[in-house]
């Protein structure tokens, strides 16, 4: 194998190693974001239930979250 081919192969290996690391880093970020989205979704659900319960306790008939906006 000549020097140019070895240099080219070394460059490709470096590029592959870099892309592998970037892919692993992005995978970790996506996993972390997925967990955070799941947590936030649960929290929003709890907040909506709490707000609906408070509206019903205040004498409302239909929670505001379930009502159509006035422009519909």
C-alpha atoms as a PDB file:
ATOM      1  CA  UNK A   1       0.000   0.000   0.000  1.00  0.00           C
ATOM      2  CA  UNK A   2       1.395   3.413  -0.871  1.00  0.00           C
ATOM      3  CA  UNK A   3       1.705   6.413   1.409  1.00  0.00           C
ATOM      4  CA  UNK A   4      -1.268   8.251  -0.137  1.00  0.00           C
ATOM      5  CA  UNK A   5      -3.605   5.284   0.477  1.00  0.00           C
ATOM      6  CA  UNK A   6      -2.426   4.967   4.094  1.00  0.00           C
ATOM      7  CA  UNK A   7      -2.998   8.682   4.653  1.00  0.00           C
ATOM      8  CA  UNK A   8      -6.442   8.424   3.133  1.00  0.00           C
ATOM      9  CA  UNK A   9      -7.347   5.408   5.283  1.00  0.00           C
ATOM     10  CA  UNK A  10      -6.083   7.181   8.415  1.00  0.00           C
ATOM     11  CA  UNK A  11      -8.217  10.225   7.556  1.00  0.00           C
ATOM     12  CA  UNK A  12     -11.286   8.012   7.035  1.00  0.00           C
ATOM     13  CA  UNK A  13     -10.699   6.265  10.367  1.00  0.00           C
ATOM     14  CA  UNK A  14     -10.420   9.623  12.145  1.00  0.00           C
ATOM     15  CA  UNK A  15     -13.611  10.821  10.485  1.00  0.00           C
ATOM     16  CA  UNK A  16     -15.425   7.623  11.419  1.00  0.00           C
ATOM     17  CA  UNK A  17     -14.265   7.897  15.040  1.00  0.00           C
ATOM     18  CA  UNK A  18     -15.462  11.519  15.172  1.00  0.00           C
ATOM     19  CA  UNK A  19     -18.856  10.631  13.679  1.00  0.00           C
ATOM     20  CA  UNK A  20     -19.240   7.710  16.082  1.00  0.00           C
ATOM     21  CA  UNK A  21     -18.587   9.995  19.045  1.00  0.00           C
ATOM     22  CA  UNK A  22     -21.014  12.622  17.778  1.00  0.00           C
ATOM     23  CA  UNK A  23     -23.678   9.945  17.257  1.00  0.00           C
ATOM     24  CA  UNK A  24     -23.182   8.621  20.787  1.00  0.00           C
ATOM     25  CA  UNK A  25     -23.348  12.144  22.246  1.00  0.00           C
ATOM     26  CA  UNK A  26     -26.539  12.928  20.340  1.00  0.00           C
ATOM     27  CA  UNK A  27     -28.075   9.647  21.433  1.00  0.00           C
ATOM     28  CA  UNK A  28     -27.456  10.569  25.068  1.00  0.00           C
ATOM     29  CA  UNK A  29     -28.994  14.004  24.531  1.00  0.00           C
ATOM     30  CA  UNK A  30     -32.084  12.478  22.926  1.00  0.00           C
ATOM     31  CA  UNK A  31     -32.483   9.963  25.761  1.00  0.00           C
ATOM     32  CA  UNK A  32     -32.205  12.754  28.335  1.00  0.00           C
ATOM     33  CA  UNK A  33     -34.725  14.909  26.452  1.00  0.00           C
ATOM     34  CA  UNK A  34     -37.138  11.980  26.188  1.00  0.00           C
ATOM     35  CA  UNK A  35     -37.040  11.490  29.951  1.00  0.00           C
ATOM     36  CA  UNK A  36     -37.534  15.212  30.529  1.00  0.00           C
ATOM     37  CA  UNK A  37     -40.476  15.368  28.105  1.00  0.00           C
ATOM     38  CA  UNK A  38     -42.115  12.418  29.850  1.00  0.00           C
ATOM     39  CA  UNK A  39     -41.687  14.118  33.231  1.00  0.00           C
ATOM     40  CA  UNK A  40     -43.055  17.427  31.949  1.00  0.00           C
ATOM     41  CA  UNK A  41     -46.019  15.669  30.319  1.00  0.00           C
ATOM     42  CA  UNK A  42     -46.907  14.045  33.636  1.00  0.00           C
ATOM     43  CA  UNK A  43     -46.575  17.383  35.437  1.00  0.00           C
ATOM     44  CA  UNK A  44     -48.813  19.180  32.929  1.00  0.00           C
ATOM     45  CA  UNK A  45     -51.418  16.429  33.311  1.00  0.00           C
ATOM     46  CA  UNK A  46     -51.342  16.809  37.087  1.00  0.00           C
ATOM     47  CA  UNK A  47     -51.612  20.591  36.830  1.00  0.00           C
ATOM     48  CA  UNK A  48     -54.566  20.341  34.465  1.00  0.00           C
ATOM     49  CA  UNK A  49     -56.333  17.893  36.786  1.00  0.00           C
ATOM     50  CA  UNK A  50     -55.650  20.134  39.781  1.00  0.00           C
ATOM     51  CA  UNK A  51     -56.930  23.215  37.951  1.00  0.00           C
ATOM     52  CA  UNK A  52     -60.056  21.347  36.811  1.00  0.00           C
ATOM     53  CA  UNK A  53     -60.728  20.148  40.368  1.00  0.00           C
ATOM     54  CA  UNK A  54     -60.336  23.691  41.690  1.00  0.00           C
ATOM     55  CA  UNK A  55     -62.756  25.035  39.081  1.00  0.00           C
ATOM     56  CA  UNK A  56     -65.322  22.376  39.958  1.00  0.00           C
ATOM     57  CA  UNK A  57     -64.899  23.123  43.661  1.00  0.00           C
ATOM     58  CA  UNK A  58     -65.466  26.816  42.914  1.00  0.00           C
ATOM     59  CA  UNK A  59     -68.881  26.003  41.464  1.00  0.00           C
ATOM     60  CA  UNK A  60     -68.097  25.749  37.777  1.00  0.00           C
ATOM     61  CA  UNK A  61     -69.841  23.117  35.741  1.00  0.00           C
ATOM     62  CA  UNK A  62     -67.254  22.400  33.049  1.00  0.00           C
ATOM     63  CA  UNK A  63     -63.539  22.894  33.681  1.00  0.00           C
ATOM     64  CA  UNK A  64     -62.060  25.684  31.574  1.00  0.00           C
ATOM     65  CA  UNK A  65     -59.563  23.257  30.094  1.00  0.00           C
ATOM     66  CA  UNK A  66     -62.475  21.324  28.574  1.00  0.00           C
ATOM     67  CA  UNK A  67     -64.391  24.349  27.284  1.00  0.00           C
ATOM     68  CA  UNK A  68     -64.166  25.665  23.756  1.00  0.00           C
ATOM     69  CA  UNK A  69     -62.405  29.003  23.401  1.00  0.00           C
ATOM     70  CA  UNK A  70     -64.787  31.937  22.802  1.00  0.00           C
ATOM     71  CA  UNK A  71     -63.665  32.392  19.191  1.00  0.00           C
ATOM     72  CA  UNK A  72     -64.946  28.927  18.127  1.00  0.00           C
END
